[in-house]
N, C-alpha and C. Protein backbone atom coordinates (compact mmCIF):
# COMPACT_ATOMS: atom_id res chain seq x y z
N UNK A 1 -33.24 7.44 -29.99
CA UNK A 1 -33.03 8.77 -29.50
C UNK A 1 -32.67 9.72 -31.22
N UNK A 2 -33.26 8.73 -32.27
CA UNK A 2 -33.57 9.14 -33.24
C UNK A 2 -32.38 9.24 -34.15
N UNK A 3 -31.20 8.75 -33.67
CA UNK A 3 -29.94 9.14 -34.63
C UNK A 3 -29.47 7.76 -34.95
N UNK A 4 -30.32 6.93 -35.03
CA UNK A 4 -29.93 5.64 -35.61
C UNK A 4 -29.22 5.40 -37.15
N UNK A 5 -29.66 6.37 -37.79
CA UNK A 5 -29.70 6.77 -39.24
C UNK A 5 -28.09 7.46 -39.19
N UNK A 6 -27.99 8.34 -38.58
CA UNK A 6 -26.81 8.91 -38.19
C UNK A 6 -25.53 8.67 -37.90
N UNK A 7 -25.40 7.53 -37.19
CA UNK A 7 -24.10 6.82 -36.84
C UNK A 7 -23.66 5.87 -37.80
N UNK A 8 -22.66 5.33 -38.36
CA UNK A 8 -22.33 4.44 -39.26
C UNK A 8 -20.60 4.42 -38.67
N UNK A 9 -20.57 2.73 -38.82
CA UNK A 9 -19.29 2.25 -38.63
C UNK A 9 -18.17 2.33 -39.18
N UNK A 10 -17.21 2.75 -38.55
CA UNK A 10 -15.68 2.90 -39.59
C UNK A 10 -15.18 1.80 -39.76
N UNK A 11 -14.50 1.18 -40.66
CA UNK A 11 -13.46 0.35 -40.96
C UNK A 11 -11.96 0.45 -40.13
N UNK A 12 -11.94 2.03 -40.01
CA UNK A 12 -10.55 2.36 -39.24
C UNK A 12 -11.20 2.53 -37.65
N UNK A 13 -10.66 2.56 -36.74
CA UNK A 13 -11.06 3.30 -35.70
C UNK A 13 -10.63 4.51 -35.76
N UNK A 14 -11.03 5.35 -34.65
CA UNK A 14 -10.50 6.40 -34.69
C UNK A 14 -9.27 6.54 -33.68
N UNK A 15 -9.41 5.65 -33.02
CA UNK A 15 -8.26 5.93 -32.24
C UNK A 15 -7.86 4.28 -31.58
N UNK A 16 -6.59 4.68 -31.49
CA UNK A 16 -5.92 3.24 -31.13
C UNK A 16 -4.74 3.37 -30.49
N UNK A 17 -4.87 3.88 -29.17
CA UNK A 17 -3.95 4.17 -28.30
C UNK A 17 -3.03 2.46 -27.34
N UNK A 18 -2.03 2.56 -27.33
CA UNK A 18 -1.52 1.14 -27.05
C UNK A 18 -1.82 1.85 -25.29
N UNK A 19 -1.95 0.62 -24.66
CA UNK A 19 -2.41 0.24 -23.35
C UNK A 19 -0.72 -0.08 -22.51
N UNK A 20 -0.74 0.50 -21.63
CA UNK A 20 0.56 0.21 -20.42
C UNK A 20 0.07 -0.33 -18.87
N UNK A 21 1.53 -0.54 -18.54
CA UNK A 21 1.38 -1.39 -17.49
C UNK A 21 2.87 -0.55 -16.90
N UNK A 22 2.37 -0.13 -16.09
CA UNK A 22 3.66 0.70 -15.28
C UNK A 22 3.60 0.00 -13.74
N UNK A 23 4.96 0.01 -13.37
CA UNK A 23 5.35 -0.12 -12.19
C UNK A 23 6.28 1.20 -11.44
N UNK A 24 6.00 1.17 -10.36
CA UNK A 24 7.13 2.26 -9.60
C UNK A 24 8.62 1.95 -9.57
N UNK A 25 9.46 2.39 -10.20
CA UNK A 25 11.03 2.28 -10.21
C UNK A 25 11.01 1.60 -8.64
N UNK A 26 10.58 2.20 -7.59
CA UNK A 26 11.08 1.10 -6.46
C UNK A 26 10.17 0.45 -5.50
N UNK A 27 9.28 -0.12 -6.44
CA UNK A 27 8.55 -1.73 -6.43
C UNK A 27 9.25 -2.49 -6.32
N UNK A 28 8.79 -3.72 -5.26
CA UNK A 28 9.76 -4.76 -5.28
C UNK A 28 9.33 -5.56 -6.33
N UNK A 29 8.35 -5.08 -7.64
CA UNK A 29 7.68 -5.93 -8.57
C UNK A 29 8.35 -5.51 -9.82
N UNK A 30 9.30 -4.54 -9.65
CA UNK A 30 9.87 -3.85 -10.58
C UNK A 30 11.06 -5.13 -10.86
N UNK A 31 11.26 -6.21 -11.16
CA UNK A 31 12.55 -6.78 -11.68
C UNK A 31 12.20 -7.28 -13.28
N UNK A 32 13.45 -7.46 -13.50
CA UNK A 32 13.45 -8.33 -14.28
C UNK A 32 12.81 -9.57 -14.73
N UNK A 33 12.70 -10.36 -13.41
CA UNK A 33 12.41 -11.70 -13.73
C UNK A 33 9.86 -11.32 -13.90
N UNK A 34 9.96 -10.74 -13.14
CA UNK A 34 9.00 -10.05 -13.11
C UNK A 34 7.84 -9.80 -14.25
N UNK A 35 8.85 -8.57 -15.09
CA UNK A 35 8.63 -8.23 -16.33
C UNK A 35 8.55 -8.84 -17.28
N UNK A 36 9.25 -10.20 -17.22
CA UNK A 36 9.45 -11.10 -18.63
C UNK A 36 8.54 -12.18 -17.92
N UNK A 37 8.02 -12.26 -17.26
CA UNK A 37 6.57 -13.22 -16.30
C UNK A 37 5.53 -12.16 -17.27
N UNK A 38 5.20 -10.97 -16.89
CA UNK A 38 4.30 -10.31 -17.47
C UNK A 38 4.18 -10.64 -19.02
N UNK A 39 5.18 -10.03 -19.60
CA UNK A 39 5.59 -9.96 -20.93
C UNK A 39 4.87 -11.41 -21.25
N UNK A 40 5.43 -12.53 -20.84
CA UNK A 40 5.07 -14.27 -21.25
C UNK A 40 3.80 -14.04 -21.30
N UNK A 41 2.90 -14.07 -20.42
CA UNK A 41 1.43 -13.86 -19.73
C UNK A 41 0.34 -13.33 -20.71
N UNK A 42 0.89 -12.00 -20.92
CA UNK A 42 0.13 -10.76 -21.97
C UNK A 42 0.57 -11.55 -23.50
N UNK A 43 1.70 -12.09 -23.82
CA UNK A 43 1.56 -12.30 -25.22
C UNK A 43 1.14 -14.05 -25.13
N UNK A 44 0.87 -14.64 -24.13
CA UNK A 44 0.23 -15.78 -24.47
C UNK A 44 -1.26 -15.73 -24.50
N UNK A 45 -1.58 -14.73 -23.91
CA UNK A 45 -3.44 -13.95 -24.11
C UNK A 45 -3.69 -13.56 -25.62
N UNK A 46 -2.58 -13.03 -25.94
CA UNK A 46 -3.06 -12.41 -27.10
C UNK A 46 -2.69 -12.91 -28.45
N UNK A 47 -1.73 -14.47 -28.03
CA UNK A 47 -1.55 -15.45 -29.10
C UNK A 47 -3.65 -16.52 -28.77
N UNK A 48 -3.82 -16.15 -27.87
CA UNK A 48 -5.38 -17.36 -27.50
C UNK A 48 -6.25 -16.43 -27.94
N UNK A 49 -5.99 -15.22 -28.28
CA UNK A 49 -7.03 -14.42 -29.00
C UNK A 49 -8.49 -13.70 -27.72
N UNK A 50 -7.93 -13.78 -26.56
CA UNK A 50 -8.60 -13.19 -25.06
C UNK A 50 -8.74 -11.69 -25.50
N UNK A 51 -8.04 -10.97 -26.22
CA UNK A 51 -8.64 -9.49 -26.14
C UNK A 51 -9.58 -9.34 -27.02
N UNK A 52 -9.26 -10.18 -28.47
CA UNK A 52 -10.48 -9.78 -29.21
C UNK A 52 -12.01 -10.51 -28.69
N UNK A 53 -11.62 -11.78 -28.22
CA UNK A 53 -12.82 -12.73 -27.56
C UNK A 53 -13.63 -11.58 -26.67
N UNK A 54 -12.88 -10.57 -25.51
CA UNK A 54 -13.40 -10.11 -24.46
C UNK A 54 -14.01 -8.88 -25.09
N UNK A 55 -13.54 -8.20 -26.31
CA UNK A 55 -14.29 -6.78 -27.04
C UNK A 55 -15.27 -7.61 -27.29
N UNK A 56 -15.59 -8.93 -28.48
CA UNK A 56 -16.60 -9.49 -28.80
C UNK A 56 -17.77 -9.38 -27.65
N UNK A 57 -17.67 -10.40 -26.82
CA UNK A 57 -18.56 -10.28 -25.33
C UNK A 57 -19.23 -8.74 -24.68
N UNK A 58 -17.75 -7.88 -24.65
CA UNK A 58 -18.71 -6.60 -23.75
C UNK A 58 -19.06 -5.66 -24.80
N UNK A 59 -18.88 -5.70 -25.98
CA UNK A 59 -19.77 -5.24 -27.58
C UNK A 59 -20.73 -5.22 -27.10
N UNK A 60 -21.37 -6.88 -27.06
CA UNK A 60 -22.56 -7.67 -26.86
C UNK A 60 -22.93 -7.39 -25.70
N UNK A 61 -22.41 -6.75 -24.61
CA UNK A 61 -23.24 -6.69 -23.23
C UNK A 61 -23.75 -5.21 -23.44
N UNK A 62 -22.79 -4.51 -24.07
CA UNK A 62 -23.11 -2.65 -24.52
C UNK A 62 -24.12 -3.00 -25.16
N UNK A 63 -24.46 -3.33 -26.11
CA UNK A 63 -25.30 -3.23 -27.24
C UNK A 63 -27.01 -3.90 -26.41
N UNK A 64 -26.42 -4.70 -25.80
CA UNK A 64 -28.08 -5.26 -25.01
C UNK A 64 -28.64 -4.38 -23.69
N UNK A 65 -27.66 -3.69 -23.04
CA UNK A 65 -27.97 -2.21 -22.31
C UNK A 65 -28.27 -1.10 -23.05
N UNK A 66 -27.97 -0.83 -24.27
CA UNK A 66 -28.01 0.21 -25.13
C UNK A 66 -29.38 -0.03 -25.46
N UNK A 67 -29.98 -1.18 -26.03
CA UNK A 67 -31.08 -1.67 -26.06
C UNK A 67 -32.07 -1.19 -25.33
N UNK A 68 -32.03 -1.32 -23.66
CA UNK A 68 -33.05 -0.98 -22.54
C UNK A 68 -33.59 -0.05 -22.80
N UNK A 69 -35.05 0.46 -22.50
CA UNK A 69 -35.81 1.50 -22.17
C UNK A 69 -34.71 2.30 -21.53
N UNK A 70 -34.82 3.62 -21.84
CA UNK A 70 -34.08 4.41 -20.58
C UNK A 70 -34.95 5.01 -19.40
N UNK A 71 -34.33 5.19 -18.74
CA UNK A 71 -35.63 5.75 -17.51
C UNK A 71 -35.24 7.15 -17.19
N UNK A 72 -35.80 7.86 -16.68
CA UNK A 72 -35.71 9.37 -16.62
C UNK A 72 -36.45 9.71 -15.44
């Protein structure tokens, strides 16, 4: 597309919004035990580096797909 020299990688992201998991107040899953379970599992995933691994993996997938010839 001829824009590769116009695009630069920034040291800091433009945005970094948090992700939230929501449950209805009326949900049977909305219990202190279930919320503690989710909190524990998510913390373990973060500690294991899974989110960073997934970002790297799917950034590579995106780059591969972006390099494919465009079909019009």
